[in-house]
């Protein structure tokens, strides 16, 4: 009799494990696909933003160029048109700053604040990140000549 009970218990355990195995095998793909479709479905009212790489940043800079130019011109005690005219005449931003008695350090600070202020709407809208602005600021502070071409764009463009 004890052998018979042992066989019944082992058989019952085997059936339970088999039932669990079949259940997992049958339900796991359904659970996985439900989770996958949930992760892909966008939440209404929330828009996904992507940050631009490479050329996208250049387009954004062009968009905000008039604001950047206005702030740099003001810091150099010039009008935006005067700044544009001098740049188009072949002067560099550094040379213009020197002629206006603005030191290299002051020019770097001016570039930093102009970029931060002018591009803050792009951060607010999610088009740029603060990290990207910091990278651009460092790049242009280290080589203000890179801004020359951006700043020669007419305000009407």
Protein backbone atom coordinates (compact mmCIF):
# COMPACT_ATOMS: atom_id res chain seq x y z
CA UNK A 1 0.00 0.00 0.00
CA UNK A 2 2.69 2.58 0.78
CA UNK A 3 4.18 2.03 -2.69
CA UNK A 4 0.86 2.78 -4.24
CA UNK A 5 0.53 6.10 -2.36
CA UNK A 6 4.05 7.03 -3.38
CA UNK A 7 3.19 6.40 -7.06
CA UNK A 8 0.03 8.52 -6.74
CA UNK A 9 1.94 11.42 -5.15
CA UNK A 10 4.73 11.28 -7.78
CA UNK A 11 2.09 11.07 -10.54
CA UNK A 12 0.17 14.04 -9.12
CA UNK A 13 3.35 16.14 -8.86
CA UNK A 14 4.25 15.18 -12.42
CA UNK A 15 0.80 16.22 -13.68
CA UNK A 16 0.97 19.55 -11.85
CA UNK A 17 4.44 20.31 -13.25
CA UNK A 18 3.30 19.29 -16.72
CA UNK A 19 0.24 21.55 -16.46
CA UNK A 20 2.43 24.47 -15.34
CA UNK A 21 4.86 23.83 -18.19
CA UNK A 22 2.07 23.76 -20.78
CA UNK A 23 0.51 26.88 -19.31
CA UNK A 24 3.79 28.80 -19.43
CA UNK A 25 4.49 27.58 -22.97
CA UNK A 26 1.00 28.58 -24.14
CA UNK A 27 0.70 31.90 -22.27
CA UNK A 28 4.26 33.27 -22.45
CA UNK A 29 4.09 34.41 -26.10
CA UNK A 30 0.78 36.15 -25.41
CA UNK A 31 2.18 37.92 -22.34
CA UNK A 32 5.37 38.94 -24.17
CA UNK A 33 3.50 40.33 -27.19
CA UNK A 34 1.09 42.24 -24.94
CA UNK A 35 4.02 43.89 -23.14
CA UNK A 36 5.74 44.65 -26.42
CA UNK A 37 2.66 46.31 -27.91
CA UNK A 38 2.17 48.28 -24.71
CA UNK A 39 5.71 49.65 -24.88
CA UNK A 40 5.31 50.75 -28.51
CA UNK A 41 1.93 52.43 -28.09
CA UNK A 42 2.46 56.17 -27.61
CA UNK A 43 0.71 57.92 -24.76
CA UNK A 44 -1.82 60.46 -26.02
CA UNK A 45 -0.71 64.04 -25.46
CA UNK A 46 2.96 63.11 -25.15
CA UNK A 47 5.19 63.68 -28.13
CA UNK A 48 8.51 61.97 -28.54
CA UNK A 49 11.30 64.38 -29.33
CA UNK A 50 14.53 63.49 -30.98
CA UNK A 51 17.62 65.54 -30.64
CA UNK A 52 19.36 66.43 -33.83
CA UNK A 53 22.78 65.15 -34.66
CA UNK A 54 25.27 66.85 -36.94
CA UNK A 55 23.44 68.81 -39.62
CA UNK A 56 20.27 69.17 -37.51
CA UNK A 57 22.17 71.34 -35.07
CA UNK A 58 23.33 73.57 -37.92
CA UNK A 59 19.72 74.08 -39.03
CA UNK A 60 18.70 75.01 -35.51
CA UNK A 61 21.61 77.44 -35.24
CA UNK A 62 20.52 79.11 -38.48
CA UNK A 63 17.00 79.40 -37.11
CA UNK A 64 18.23 81.24 -34.03
CA UNK A 65 21.08 83.13 -35.78
CA UNK A 66 19.32 86.52 -35.72
CA UNK A 67 18.91 86.33 -31.93
CA UNK A 68 22.52 85.21 -31.48
CA UNK A 69 23.72 88.02 -33.77
CA UNK A 70 21.66 90.66 -31.94
CA UNK A 71 23.08 89.65 -28.58
CA UNK A 72 26.68 89.48 -29.80
CA UNK A 73 26.33 92.82 -31.62
CA UNK A 74 24.92 94.41 -28.47
CA UNK A 75 27.83 93.02 -26.43
CA UNK A 76 30.26 94.46 -28.97
CA UNK A 77 28.50 97.86 -28.85
CA UNK A 78 27.41 97.55 -32.48
CA UNK A 79 24.14 97.19 -34.34
CA UNK A 80 23.47 93.82 -35.97
CA UNK A 81 23.86 95.49 -39.40
CA UNK A 82 27.25 96.97 -38.42
CA UNK A 83 28.41 93.56 -37.21
CA UNK A 84 27.23 91.91 -40.44
CA UNK A 85 28.94 94.57 -42.58
CA UNK A 86 32.27 94.13 -40.78
CA UNK A 87 32.10 90.34 -41.05
CA UNK A 88 31.24 90.56 -44.75
CA UNK A 89 34.19 92.92 -45.19
CA UNK A 90 36.45 90.07 -44.07
CA UNK A 91 36.98 90.91 -40.41
CA UNK A 92 36.77 88.09 -37.89
CA UNK A 93 34.68 88.22 -34.74
CA UNK A 94 37.88 88.26 -32.69
CA UNK A 95 39.26 91.21 -34.68
CA UNK A 96 36.00 93.12 -34.31
CA UNK A 97 36.01 92.45 -30.56
CA UNK A 98 39.59 93.72 -30.29
CA UNK A 99 38.69 96.88 -32.24
CA UNK A 100 35.75 97.42 -29.87
CA UNK A 101 38.03 97.03 -26.81
CA UNK A 102 36.43 93.72 -25.85
CA UNK A 103 38.93 91.22 -24.45
CA UNK A 104 39.12 87.57 -25.48
CA UNK A 105 37.68 86.54 -22.13
CA UNK A 106 34.83 89.01 -22.49
CA UNK A 107 34.17 87.73 -26.03
CA UNK A 108 34.03 84.14 -24.74
CA UNK A 109 31.56 85.17 -22.04
CA UNK A 110 29.55 87.10 -24.62
CA UNK A 111 29.41 84.07 -26.94
CA UNK A 112 28.37 81.82 -24.07
CA UNK A 113 25.55 84.05 -22.88
CA UNK A 114 24.35 84.75 -26.44
CA UNK A 115 24.12 81.04 -27.25
CA UNK A 116 22.52 80.15 -23.91
CA UNK A 117 19.91 82.91 -24.16
CA UNK A 118 19.12 82.56 -27.86
CA UNK A 119 18.89 78.77 -27.80
CA UNK A 120 16.89 78.45 -24.58
CA UNK A 121 13.60 78.22 -26.55
CA UNK A 122 15.06 75.21 -28.39
CA UNK A 123 15.69 73.52 -25.04
CA UNK A 124 12.19 74.36 -23.86
CA UNK A 125 10.68 72.86 -27.01
CA UNK A 126 12.86 69.76 -26.74
CA UNK A 127 14.71 70.42 -30.00
CA UNK A 128 18.07 70.73 -28.24
CA UNK A 129 19.36 69.56 -24.89
CA UNK A 130 21.29 71.69 -22.44
CA UNK A 131 24.21 69.32 -22.98
CA UNK A 132 24.19 70.08 -26.71
CA UNK A 133 24.17 73.82 -26.02
CA UNK A 134 27.09 73.42 -23.63
CA UNK A 135 29.00 71.54 -26.33
CA UNK A 136 28.24 74.23 -28.93
CA UNK A 137 29.22 76.96 -26.49
CA UNK A 138 32.57 75.32 -25.79
CA UNK A 139 33.18 74.84 -29.51
CA UNK A 140 32.45 78.48 -30.41
CA UNK A 141 34.26 79.91 -27.40
CA UNK A 142 37.38 78.02 -28.42
CA UNK A 143 37.13 79.20 -32.03
CA UNK A 144 34.97 82.32 -32.46
CA UNK A 145 35.82 82.36 -36.18
CA UNK A 146 33.33 79.50 -36.60
CA UNK A 147 30.57 81.99 -35.76
CA UNK A 148 31.62 84.43 -38.50
CA UNK A 149 29.66 82.70 -41.24
CA UNK A 150 26.57 82.18 -39.07
CA UNK A 151 26.52 85.83 -38.10
CA UNK A 152 26.80 87.13 -41.68
CA UNK A 153 23.27 85.87 -42.39
CA UNK A 154 20.90 88.79 -42.96
CA UNK A 155 18.13 89.18 -40.40
CA UNK A 156 15.49 88.82 -43.12
CA UNK A 157 16.65 85.27 -44.00
